[in-house]
Amino acid sequence: MPENESAKTPNIEPETELRDSRPTSGTADVEDASEREAAPDALEQVLTVKPDEPEPERQEPSRPEDRMTGASKPARIVPIERLSAHRLMQLEACTRCGECLNWCPVYDQDRREDLIPRTKAREFLEIVKAQHGMAGRILRSPGVGQPLKKIIRGLFRVPEVTDDMVQTFAAHLYECSTCGQCEIVCPANLDTVNLWENIRELIVAAGYGPLESQKPLVKSVKAYDNPWQQPRQARTKWARRAKKEKLIADEPREIKKTQAKVLLFLGCTAVYDANVRQIAVNTINVLEAAGVDYGCLGGRERCCGSVLLRMGDAEFERIASDNIEDFNELGIHTLISSCAGCFKTIKEDYPLVGKLNFEVLHMVEFLDRMIEQGKLEFRHPVEAKVTYHDPCHLGRAAGVFEAPRRVIRAIPGIELVEMERIRQYSRCCGAGGGVKAGFPDIQGKMAQRRVREAEATGAQELISACPFCFAGLQVGIKAANSHLAMKDVTSLVAKSLLGGNAEDAALQRKIA
């Protein structure tokens, strides 16, 4: 269940200037270089990010008459039939106070006011009113000629919505990690994340989204059931290789054979991305060491569809419906995942499509429950000073803030030190919402900002509970030449349970 622990607003200045510009040396743990080189371009982008660039100057938003007029051809109609009256009211309810400007992590790196919620709300309302208002409907009537259209536009002050204008709005809409920080600080309590995702669906329906650099992700999910442009049969390749290298004792159990009541949903990133595959390895080793009766879908596992939902593709509902049917047929009691994105999608978004006959837990919640029940015994101290990064999908979206911290503190030898921005005010690493694929330079700068905050704690390791955050923060660590080592919570747990680390030769011998 989501945790209801609330944290007081920290006594900090939101999105102040970057202060620490001193790069340090060191690298994060990596896996087989040949596999990294073979990773698909759509998600595995080679980023060249200059550390500590001067903060860009703030740019004022363009005027409506500048955006909505010119030689560009008329825009295609943006359908609003699937946008509820509640969503339209939310757009009108925005007071344009600008509090979102103070907190938006994307605006912090790309100082264009066109990117913040208040401007996007205004821009979309301009499109909607011009296309679907009374005057807009009259202008679309086949019997209205150009001379009369000119008179009506002048009389009702209705500018023409051009193709360029909607394309520009779409670019602003997709330069957003959907982290939800604006939702937390909004005085009007606007549900911004769901609002942007709903509007993205309309933009896609009109043929303006997603961005070209994001389209391969969507196409891959539809073609291969994963966003990595990898064949379906490659989904279990990681397990065969991990067993061969003695990183795991055996391949994960097939739930169809075990009839287990706990389903481990591994997700796409942890099994296809060589840089974060250790999360899948450590998760399996932890469950085996704890004696959990679990099972996996193996090659039958499909993408949860999060990529499609965040990009605004309506095909998400079909994928969600198919997965819900498969999960329910298994007769499971609990579904667990080490991926914050999969967890959020299945727990928060799937119930809007169909009923789930089981509970959904993130791996850290499952471990926290086992610790509370006395079913998890940490045998070996882990001497490390660590700091924890709250994933947006696990924290702000699902309210899980304390479970990962309780698990970390339960491990003997660990010293947990907190960053300046934590829990619901945690800085986004920039990997979500399509930003990593669409705006890799911005994502790299967002990750660097978070890494510098982690360095300021004096920690040796940066811990998270999400494969996408893991990969995104690795970008920041590399670009900042940081001494920090990137780890997942399961890495610390595996090390304490087994007396080594899933990537260490010592553990390989122990498993053998």
Protein backbone atom coordinates (compact mmCIF):
# COMPACT_ATOMS: atom_id res chain seq x y z
CA MET A 1 0.00 0.00 0.00
CA PRO A 2 1.21 3.54 -0.62
CA GLU A 3 2.69 5.11 2.44
CA ASN A 4 0.93 8.07 3.95
CA GLU A 5 3.90 9.49 5.79
CA SER A 6 4.07 13.19 5.02
CA ALA A 7 7.16 15.35 5.04
CA LYS A 8 7.20 19.02 5.83
CA THR A 9 8.23 21.42 3.13
CA PRO A 10 12.02 21.67 3.39
CA ASN A 11 13.53 24.99 4.27
CA ILE A 12 15.26 25.41 0.91
CA GLU A 13 15.28 27.73 -2.04
CA PRO A 14 13.69 25.99 -5.04
CA GLU A 15 15.89 25.58 -8.10
CA THR A 16 18.65 27.99 -7.08
CA GLU A 17 21.82 28.43 -9.12
CA LEU A 18 24.26 25.56 -9.38
CA ARG A 19 26.92 26.10 -6.77
CA ASP A 20 29.45 23.26 -6.74
CA SER A 21 31.42 23.21 -9.98
CA ARG A 22 34.32 21.05 -8.87
CA PRO A 23 34.37 17.74 -10.76
CA THR A 24 35.81 14.76 -8.95
CA SER A 25 37.21 11.50 -10.24
CA GLY A 26 35.75 8.03 -10.23
CA THR A 27 33.32 5.86 -12.16
CA ALA A 28 30.20 3.85 -11.45
CA ASP A 29 30.02 0.07 -11.75
CA VAL A 30 29.58 -1.07 -15.34
CA GLU A 31 29.01 -4.39 -17.08
CA ASP A 32 30.17 -5.93 -20.35
CA ALA A 33 31.26 -3.14 -22.69
CA SER A 34 30.39 -5.06 -25.84
CA GLU A 35 26.77 -5.35 -24.74
CA ARG A 36 26.60 -1.66 -23.92
CA GLU A 37 27.83 -0.84 -27.40
CA ALA A 38 25.10 -2.99 -28.90
CA ALA A 39 22.30 -1.29 -26.97
CA PRO A 40 19.67 0.42 -29.18
CA ASP A 41 20.04 4.11 -29.89
CA ALA A 42 16.46 4.88 -28.90
CA LEU A 43 17.21 4.51 -25.20
CA GLU A 44 20.97 4.03 -24.95
CA GLN A 45 22.22 7.39 -26.17
CA VAL A 46 25.83 8.45 -25.97
CA LEU A 47 25.62 11.80 -24.26
CA THR A 48 28.20 14.52 -24.45
CA VAL A 49 27.29 16.91 -21.66
CA LYS A 50 29.61 19.66 -20.57
CA PRO A 51 29.60 19.79 -16.77
CA ASP A 52 28.67 22.97 -14.96
CA GLU A 53 27.72 25.15 -17.90
CA PRO A 54 26.58 28.67 -16.97
CA GLU A 55 22.89 28.87 -16.15
CA PRO A 56 20.96 29.99 -19.24
CA GLU A 57 19.08 33.25 -19.17
CA ARG A 58 15.35 33.11 -18.72
CA GLN A 59 13.42 33.53 -21.96
CA GLU A 60 9.94 35.02 -21.95
CA PRO A 61 7.18 33.05 -23.68
CA SER A 62 6.29 34.03 -27.20
CA ARG A 63 3.14 36.06 -27.74
CA PRO A 64 -0.02 34.35 -29.03
CA GLU A 65 -0.03 36.45 -32.19
CA ASP A 66 3.57 35.38 -32.87
CA ARG A 67 2.80 31.70 -32.40
CA MET A 68 -0.54 31.52 -34.15
CA THR A 69 -0.07 33.52 -37.32
CA GLY A 70 2.23 33.42 -40.32
CA ALA A 71 2.74 31.60 -43.58
CA SER A 72 2.39 28.11 -42.07
CA LYS A 73 -0.53 26.03 -43.31
CA PRO A 74 -3.61 25.67 -41.09
CA ALA A 75 -3.25 23.09 -38.35
CA ARG A 76 -5.06 19.79 -38.23
CA ILE A 77 -7.89 19.72 -35.72
CA VAL A 78 -6.83 18.61 -32.24
CA PRO A 79 -9.67 16.35 -30.99
CA ILE A 80 -10.90 17.15 -27.51
CA GLU A 81 -13.69 14.57 -27.26
CA ARG A 82 -11.63 12.39 -24.89
CA LEU A 83 -10.64 15.35 -22.72
CA SER A 84 -13.11 15.48 -19.86
CA ALA A 85 -14.80 18.65 -18.69
CA HIS A 86 -12.77 18.26 -15.50
CA ARG A 87 -9.52 18.48 -17.46
CA LEU A 88 -10.71 21.57 -19.34
CA MET A 89 -11.69 23.14 -16.02
CA GLN A 90 -8.20 22.40 -14.70
CA LEU A 91 -6.70 24.34 -17.60
CA GLU A 92 -8.92 27.29 -16.75
CA ALA A 93 -8.25 26.88 -13.02
CA CYS A 94 -4.54 27.59 -13.44
CA THR A 95 -4.04 31.00 -11.82
CA ARG A 96 -0.77 31.61 -13.74
CA CYS A 97 0.92 32.28 -10.39
CA GLY A 98 4.23 30.87 -11.63
CA GLU A 99 5.03 28.71 -8.59
CA CYS A 100 5.75 25.89 -11.04
CA LEU A 101 8.47 28.05 -12.58
CA ASN A 102 10.35 27.98 -9.28
CA TRP A 103 10.37 24.18 -9.07
CA CYS A 104 10.35 22.74 -12.61
CA PRO A 105 13.60 20.74 -13.09
CA VAL A 106 13.42 21.07 -16.88
CA TYR A 107 13.00 24.84 -16.72
CA ASP A 108 15.94 24.89 -14.32
CA GLN A 109 18.14 23.66 -17.19
CA ASP A 110 16.37 25.20 -20.20
CA ARG A 111 15.24 28.67 -19.17
CA ARG A 112 12.28 29.00 -21.53
CA GLU A 113 8.99 29.89 -19.94
CA ASP A 114 7.21 28.11 -22.79
CA LEU A 115 8.12 24.89 -20.95
CA ILE A 116 6.42 25.52 -17.60
CA PRO A 117 2.86 24.39 -16.81
CA ARG A 118 1.23 27.82 -16.73
CA THR A 119 2.40 28.63 -20.26
CA LYS A 120 1.53 25.20 -21.66
CA ALA A 121 -1.95 25.49 -20.15
CA ARG A 122 -2.44 28.88 -21.78
CA GLU A 123 -1.10 27.71 -25.15
CA PHE A 124 -3.37 24.67 -25.24
CA LEU A 125 -6.41 26.71 -24.27
CA GLU A 126 -5.65 29.07 -27.16
CA ILE A 127 -5.64 26.12 -29.56
CA VAL A 128 -8.83 24.63 -28.11
CA LYS A 129 -10.76 27.91 -28.12
CA ALA A 130 -9.63 28.83 -31.62
CA GLN A 131 -10.53 25.42 -33.05
CA HIS A 132 -13.54 24.39 -30.96
CA GLY A 133 -15.10 27.65 -29.74
CA MET A 134 -18.21 29.09 -31.39
CA ALA A 135 -16.21 31.26 -33.78
CA GLY A 136 -13.86 28.38 -34.53
CA ARG A 137 -16.74 26.09 -35.50
CA ILE A 138 -18.18 28.79 -37.77
CA LEU A 139 -14.81 29.27 -39.45
CA ARG A 140 -14.63 25.52 -40.17
CA SER A 141 -18.00 25.55 -41.91
CA PRO A 142 -17.61 24.73 -45.63
CA GLY A 143 -19.81 27.66 -46.70
CA VAL A 144 -17.59 30.31 -45.11
CA GLY A 145 -15.19 31.83 -47.64
CA GLN A 146 -11.87 33.55 -46.98
CA PRO A 147 -13.27 37.13 -47.01
CA LEU A 148 -15.88 36.23 -44.39
CA LYS A 149 -13.31 34.29 -42.37
CA LYS A 150 -11.13 37.39 -42.22
CA ILE A 151 -14.07 39.45 -40.95
CA ILE A 152 -15.00 36.85 -38.31
CA ARG A 153 -11.40 36.55 -37.11
CA GLY A 154 -11.15 40.29 -36.72
CA LEU A 155 -14.55 40.61 -35.04
CA PHE A 156 -14.05 37.77 -32.54
CA ARG A 157 -10.26 38.16 -32.33
CA VAL A 158 -9.72 34.52 -33.25
CA PRO A 159 -6.20 33.94 -34.61
CA GLU A 160 -5.59 31.13 -37.06
CA VAL A 161 -4.09 28.01 -35.51
CA THR A 162 -1.21 27.06 -37.78
CA ASP A 163 0.67 23.82 -38.24
CA ASP A 164 3.87 25.41 -36.95
CA MET A 165 2.10 26.64 -33.83
CA VAL A 166 0.82 23.17 -32.85
CA GLN A 167 4.19 21.59 -33.62
CA THR A 168 5.86 24.14 -31.37
CA PHE A 169 3.37 23.43 -28.59
CA ALA A 170 3.97 19.69 -29.00
CA ALA A 171 7.72 20.22 -28.57
CA HIS A 172 7.06 22.14 -25.35
CA LEU A 173 4.64 19.46 -24.15
CA TYR A 174 7.17 16.66 -24.64
CA GLU A 175 10.06 18.53 -23.04
CA CYS A 176 8.72 17.40 -19.69
CA SER A 177 9.74 14.42 -17.56
CA THR A 178 6.23 14.21 -16.02
CA CYS A 179 7.98 14.12 -12.64
CA GLY A 180 5.00 15.64 -10.84
CA GLN A 181 6.92 18.30 -8.91
CA CYS A 182 4.64 21.03 -10.27
CA GLU A 183 1.66 19.05 -9.02
CA ILE A 184 3.09 18.95 -5.49
CA VAL A 185 3.67 22.71 -5.25
CA CYS A 186 0.64 23.93 -7.25
CA PRO A 187 -1.54 26.16 -5.01
CA ALA A 188 -4.57 25.21 -7.13
CA ASN A 189 -3.85 21.47 -6.67
CA LEU A 190 -3.91 20.81 -10.41
CA ASP A 191 -3.40 17.17 -11.46
CA THR A 192 -0.71 18.17 -13.93
CA VAL A 193 0.85 14.77 -14.75
CA ASN A 194 -2.40 13.16 -15.83
CA LEU A 195 -3.36 16.39 -17.58
CA TRP A 196 -0.19 16.42 -19.70
CA GLU A 197 -0.55 12.73 -20.51
CA ASN A 198 -4.17 13.28 -21.59
CA ILE A 199 -3.17 16.20 -23.79
CA ARG A 200 -0.31 14.19 -25.29
CA GLU A 201 -2.90 11.61 -26.35
CA LEU A 202 -4.83 14.34 -28.18
CA ILE A 203 -1.66 15.62 -29.82
CA VAL A 204 -0.82 12.09 -30.99
CA ALA A 205 -4.35 11.63 -32.34
CA ALA A 206 -3.92 14.84 -34.35
CA GLY A 207 -0.63 13.56 -35.79
CA TYR A 208 1.72 15.93 -33.96
CA GLY A 209 3.29 13.59 -31.44
CA PRO A 210 5.40 12.10 -30.14
CA LEU A 211 8.62 13.75 -31.29
CA GLU A 212 10.66 12.04 -34.02
CA SER A 213 13.37 11.00 -31.56
CA GLN A 214 10.73 9.40 -29.32
CA LYS A 215 8.86 7.47 -32.02
CA PRO A 216 11.28 4.49 -32.10
CA LEU A 217 10.36 3.73 -28.48
CA VAL A 218 6.66 3.57 -29.30
CA LYS A 219 7.18 1.53 -32.47
CA SER A 220 9.40 -0.93 -30.62
CA VAL A 221 6.84 -1.55 -27.88
CA LYS A 222 4.19 -2.30 -30.49
CA ALA A 223 6.46 -4.52 -32.58
CA TYR A 224 8.56 -6.30 -29.94
CA ASP A 225 6.74 -5.79 -26.61
CA ASN A 226 9.70 -3.78 -25.34
CA PRO A 227 11.07 -0.27 -26.02
CA TRP A 228 14.61 -1.51 -26.66
CA GLN A 229 14.10 -2.61 -30.28
CA GLN A 230 15.08 -6.14 -29.29
CA PRO A 231 13.36 -9.39 -30.34
CA ARG A 232 10.95 -10.98 -27.88
CA GLN A 233 13.08 -14.10 -27.54
CA ALA A 234 15.96 -11.97 -26.20
CA ARG A 235 14.00 -11.17 -23.03
CA THR A 236 15.47 -14.14 -21.15
CA LYS A 237 18.97 -13.90 -22.62
CA TRP A 238 20.21 -12.01 -19.55
CA ALA A 239 19.27 -14.92 -17.27
CA ARG A 240 21.06 -17.53 -19.39
CA ARG A 241 24.16 -15.38 -19.45
CA ALA A 242 23.97 -14.61 -15.72
CA LYS A 243 23.75 -18.32 -14.94
CA LYS A 244 26.67 -19.09 -17.24
CA GLU A 245 28.75 -16.44 -15.48
CA LYS A 246 27.58 -17.81 -12.09
CA LEU A 247 25.96 -14.53 -11.10
CA ILE A 248 22.78 -16.46 -10.29
CA ALA A 249 22.47 -20.09 -9.24
CA ASP A 250 19.72 -20.84 -11.73
CA GLU A 251 17.44 -19.08 -14.16
CA PRO A 252 14.32 -17.47 -12.61
CA ARG A 253 11.47 -19.87 -11.99
CA GLU A 254 8.63 -19.95 -14.51
CA ILE A 255 5.43 -19.18 -12.63
CA LYS A 256 3.40 -21.47 -14.90
CA LYS A 257 5.47 -24.37 -13.54
CA THR A 258 5.75 -23.33 -9.90
CA GLN A 259 2.14 -22.10 -9.46
CA ALA A 260 3.61 -19.55 -7.03
CA LYS A 261 1.44 -16.84 -5.53
CA VAL A 262 4.09 -14.12 -5.92
CA LEU A 263 4.82 -12.88 -9.45
CA LEU A 264 8.08 -11.04 -10.07
CA PHE A 265 7.58 -8.62 -12.95
CA LEU A 266 11.12 -7.78 -14.06
CA GLY A 267 10.29 -5.09 -16.63
CA CYS A 268 12.14 -4.25 -19.83
CA THR A 269 14.98 -2.00 -18.68
CA ALA A 270 16.54 -4.38 -16.15
CA VAL A 271 16.67 -7.26 -18.65
CA TYR A 272 17.64 -5.45 -21.85
CA ASP A 273 20.02 -2.72 -20.61
CA ALA A 274 23.42 -4.20 -19.77
CA ASN A 275 24.25 -1.14 -17.65
CA VAL A 276 21.51 -1.90 -15.12
CA ARG A 277 21.14 -5.67 -15.45
CA GLN A 278 22.60 -6.05 -11.98
CA ILE A 279 19.17 -4.99 -10.64
CA ALA A 280 17.58 -8.12 -12.14
CA VAL A 281 20.48 -10.26 -10.88
CA ASN A 282 20.33 -8.87 -7.35
CA THR A 283 16.53 -9.11 -7.19
CA ILE A 284 16.65 -12.82 -8.09
CA ASN A 285 19.44 -13.51 -5.60
CA VAL A 286 17.62 -11.69 -2.80
CA LEU A 287 14.37 -13.59 -3.36
CA GLU A 288 16.24 -16.91 -3.51
CA ALA A 289 18.25 -16.14 -0.37
CA ALA A 290 15.07 -15.14 1.47
CA GLY A 291 13.32 -18.35 0.45
CA VAL A 292 10.45 -16.59 -1.31
CA ASP A 293 8.12 -18.81 -3.34
CA TYR A 294 7.92 -16.71 -6.47
CA GLY A 295 7.79 -17.05 -10.23
CA CYS A 296 8.44 -15.02 -13.39
CA LEU A 297 6.75 -14.90 -16.77
CA GLY A 298 10.03 -15.48 -18.58
CA GLY A 299 9.69 -15.05 -22.32
CA ARG A 300 5.95 -14.46 -21.91
CA GLU A 301 6.49 -11.17 -20.09
CA ARG A 302 5.44 -8.11 -22.08
CA CYS A 303 6.17 -4.43 -21.60
CA CYS A 304 3.87 -2.83 -19.02
CA GLY A 305 3.10 -0.11 -21.58
CA SER A 306 4.38 2.80 -19.54
CA VAL A 307 6.23 4.22 -22.55
CA LEU A 308 3.02 4.35 -24.58
CA LEU A 309 1.06 5.97 -21.77
CA ARG A 310 3.68 8.65 -21.13
CA MET A 311 3.97 9.38 -24.87
CA GLY A 312 0.19 9.63 -25.29
CA ASP A 313 -0.37 6.53 -27.44
CA ALA A 314 -3.87 5.09 -27.04
CA GLU A 315 -2.52 1.57 -27.66
CA PHE A 316 -1.61 1.54 -23.96
CA GLU A 317 -5.13 0.44 -23.05
CA ARG A 318 -4.86 -2.71 -25.18
CA ILE A 319 -1.50 -3.67 -23.66
CA ALA A 320 -2.76 -2.99 -20.15
CA SER A 321 -5.92 -5.01 -20.76
CA ASP A 322 -3.94 -7.99 -22.12
CA ASN A 323 -1.54 -7.92 -19.17
CA ILE A 324 -4.36 -7.62 -16.62
CA GLU A 325 -6.07 -10.68 -18.12
CA ASP A 326 -2.83 -12.69 -18.02
CA PHE A 327 -2.00 -11.65 -14.45
CA ASN A 328 -5.49 -12.42 -13.13
CA GLU A 329 -5.49 -15.87 -14.78
CA LEU A 330 -2.37 -16.81 -12.81
CA GLY A 331 -4.26 -16.66 -9.53
CA ILE A 332 -1.44 -14.74 -7.84
CA HIS A 333 -1.81 -12.91 -4.55
CA THR A 334 1.00 -10.40 -5.06
CA LEU A 335 2.88 -8.84 -7.97
CA ILE A 336 6.25 -7.31 -7.16
CA SER A 337 8.63 -5.30 -9.33
CA SER A 338 12.00 -3.63 -8.82
CA CYS A 339 11.12 -1.07 -11.50
CA ALA A 340 9.43 2.08 -10.22
CA GLY A 341 7.98 2.79 -13.67
CA CYS A 342 6.40 -0.67 -14.03
CA PHE A 343 5.20 -0.53 -10.43
CA LYS A 344 3.52 2.84 -10.88
CA THR A 345 1.94 1.85 -14.18
CA ILE A 346 0.51 -1.44 -12.90
CA LYS A 347 -0.57 -0.14 -9.50
CA GLU A 348 -1.87 3.31 -10.39
CA ASP A 349 -2.75 3.20 -14.12
CA TYR A 350 -3.93 -0.37 -14.75
CA PRO A 351 -6.97 -0.10 -12.41
CA LEU A 352 -8.31 2.61 -14.73
CA VAL A 353 -8.39 -0.03 -17.48
CA GLY A 354 -9.48 -3.15 -15.58
CA LYS A 355 -9.73 -4.77 -12.15
CA LEU A 356 -6.64 -6.32 -10.55
CA ASN A 357 -7.28 -9.42 -8.42
CA PHE A 358 -3.97 -9.08 -6.56
CA GLU A 359 -1.92 -6.54 -4.65
CA VAL A 360 0.96 -4.66 -6.29
CA LEU A 361 4.15 -3.93 -4.35
CA HIS A 362 7.47 -2.44 -5.24
CA MET A 363 10.41 -4.64 -4.26
CA VAL A 364 11.36 -2.24 -1.45
CA GLU A 365 7.84 -2.53 0.01
CA PHE A 366 8.05 -6.32 -0.20
CA LEU A 367 11.43 -6.31 1.55
CA ASP A 368 10.18 -3.86 4.17
CA ARG A 369 7.26 -6.19 4.92
CA MET A 370 9.60 -9.19 5.24
CA ILE A 371 11.83 -7.28 7.65
CA GLU A 372 8.82 -6.30 9.76
CA GLN A 373 7.66 -9.94 9.84
CA GLY A 374 11.13 -11.14 10.83
CA LYS A 375 11.58 -13.12 7.62
CA LEU A 376 14.71 -11.36 6.40
CA GLU A 377 18.00 -11.73 8.27
CA PHE A 378 20.93 -9.53 7.32
CA ARG A 379 24.05 -11.55 8.09
CA HIS A 380 26.90 -9.37 6.87
CA PRO A 381 27.61 -5.69 7.60
CA VAL A 382 27.88 -3.38 4.60
CA GLU A 383 30.25 -0.59 5.51
CA ALA A 384 29.17 2.30 3.31
CA LYS A 385 27.96 5.87 3.53
CA VAL A 386 25.05 6.21 1.14
CA THR A 387 22.40 8.71 0.07
CA TYR A 388 19.01 7.78 -1.40
CA HIS A 389 17.33 9.25 -4.49
CA ASP A 390 13.51 9.07 -4.51
CA PRO A 391 12.30 7.93 -7.96
CA CYS A 392 9.40 10.10 -9.16
CA HIS A 393 7.18 7.11 -9.99
CA LEU A 394 7.79 5.45 -6.63
CA GLY A 395 7.74 8.56 -4.44
CA ARG A 396 5.62 11.43 -5.71
CA ALA A 397 3.37 9.21 -7.84
CA ALA A 398 2.76 6.35 -5.39
CA GLY A 399 3.66 7.84 -2.01
CA VAL A 400 6.38 5.29 -1.17
CA PHE A 401 9.02 7.27 0.70
CA GLU A 402 9.77 5.47 3.97
CA ALA A 403 9.93 1.79 2.92
CA PRO A 404 13.23 2.10 1.00
CA ARG A 405 14.75 4.11 3.84
CA ARG A 406 13.69 1.52 6.43
CA VAL A 407 15.25 -1.25 4.33
CA ILE A 408 18.52 0.67 3.94
CA ARG A 409 18.70 1.51 7.66
CA ALA A 410 18.03 -2.13 8.59
CA ILE A 411 21.26 -3.23 6.91
CA PRO A 412 24.11 -3.30 9.47
CA GLY A 413 27.01 -0.97 8.75
CA ILE A 414 25.09 1.36 6.43
CA GLU A 415 25.10 5.09 7.15
CA LEU A 416 22.26 6.85 5.33
CA VAL A 417 22.71 10.59 4.79
CA GLU A 418 19.97 12.63 3.14
CA MET A 419 20.23 15.14 0.32
CA GLU A 420 18.78 18.64 0.49
CA ARG A 421 15.77 17.73 -1.67
CA ILE A 422 14.08 14.47 -0.67
CA ARG A 423 10.73 12.69 -0.61
CA GLN A 424 8.04 14.68 -2.46
CA TYR A 425 10.53 17.47 -3.14
CA SER A 426 13.20 15.18 -4.61
CA ARG A 427 14.83 16.45 -7.80
CA CYS A 428 13.99 14.46 -10.93
CA CYS A 429 16.94 12.80 -12.71
CA GLY A 430 15.30 13.57 -16.07
CA ALA A 431 15.14 10.00 -17.39
CA GLY A 432 11.35 9.74 -17.57
CA GLY A 433 8.54 11.16 -19.65
CA GLY A 434 10.48 10.79 -22.89
CA VAL A 435 13.05 13.46 -21.99
CA LYS A 436 16.02 11.08 -22.17
CA ALA A 437 15.13 10.10 -25.73
CA GLY A 438 13.86 13.49 -26.88
CA PHE A 439 16.20 15.88 -25.07
CA PRO A 440 19.29 13.92 -23.94
CA ASP A 441 21.34 17.04 -23.24
CA ILE A 442 18.67 18.38 -20.86
CA GLN A 443 18.43 14.98 -19.16
CA GLY A 444 22.19 14.91 -18.68
CA LYS A 445 22.16 18.33 -17.04
CA MET A 446 19.26 17.37 -14.78
CA ALA A 447 21.14 14.25 -13.70
CA GLN A 448 24.31 16.26 -13.02
CA ARG A 449 22.35 18.60 -10.79
CA ARG A 450 21.10 15.68 -8.72
CA VAL A 451 24.56 14.10 -8.60
CA ARG A 452 26.09 17.31 -7.24
CA GLU A 453 23.46 17.37 -4.53
CA ALA A 454 24.34 13.77 -3.66
CA GLU A 455 28.05 14.60 -3.56
CA ALA A 456 27.37 17.39 -1.08
CA THR A 457 26.25 14.80 1.50
CA GLY A 458 29.69 13.20 1.58
CA ALA A 459 28.21 9.84 0.54
CA GLN A 460 30.22 7.20 -1.29
CA GLU A 461 27.25 5.63 -3.05
CA LEU A 462 24.09 6.99 -4.65
CA ILE A 463 21.17 4.60 -4.12
CA SER A 464 17.87 4.40 -5.95
CA ALA A 465 15.04 1.92 -6.54
CA CYS A 466 14.41 2.31 -10.26
CA PRO A 467 16.32 1.01 -13.31
CA PHE A 468 15.54 4.17 -15.28
CA CYS A 469 16.80 6.43 -12.49
CA PHE A 470 19.82 4.13 -12.23
CA ALA A 471 20.63 4.66 -15.91
CA GLY A 472 19.76 8.36 -15.85
CA LEU A 473 21.91 9.12 -12.82
CA GLN A 474 24.81 7.16 -14.30
CA VAL A 475 24.77 9.72 -17.12
CA GLY A 476 25.13 12.49 -14.54
CA ILE A 477 27.89 10.67 -12.66
CA LYS A 478 29.90 10.20 -15.84
CA ALA A 479 29.38 13.75 -17.10
CA ALA A 480 30.29 15.26 -13.73
CA ASN A 481 33.30 12.93 -13.33
CA SER A 482 31.88 12.08 -9.92
CA HIS A 483 33.37 9.73 -7.35
CA LEU A 484 29.90 8.35 -6.57
CA ALA A 485 29.06 4.71 -7.27
CA MET A 486 25.51 4.12 -8.52
CA LYS A 487 23.65 1.32 -6.72
CA ASP A 488 20.14 -0.07 -6.39
CA VAL A 489 18.61 -0.93 -3.00
CA THR A 490 18.67 -4.60 -4.00
CA SER A 491 22.47 -4.40 -4.35
CA LEU A 492 22.87 -3.46 -0.68
CA VAL A 493 20.41 -6.13 0.43
CA ALA A 494 22.11 -8.84 -1.66
CA LYS A 495 25.52 -7.89 -0.29
CA SER A 496 24.31 -8.15 3.30
CA LEU A 497 22.45 -11.42 2.75
CA LEU A 498 25.16 -13.15 0.72
CA GLY A 499 28.33 -11.54 1.96
CA GLY A 500 29.33 -10.10 -1.38
CA ASN A 501 27.91 -8.25 -4.36
CA ALA A 502 26.19 -9.81 -7.34
CA GLU A 503 28.83 -8.28 -9.60
CA ASP A 504 31.79 -9.51 -7.51
CA ALA A 505 33.82 -12.63 -8.22
CA ALA A 506 33.53 -13.51 -4.52
CA LEU A 507 29.79 -13.90 -4.83
CA GLN A 508 30.18 -15.88 -8.04
CA ARG A 509 32.27 -18.44 -6.15
CA LYS A 510 29.80 -18.41 -3.24
CA ILE A 511 26.87 -19.21 -5.55
CA ALA A 512 28.89 -21.91 -7.30
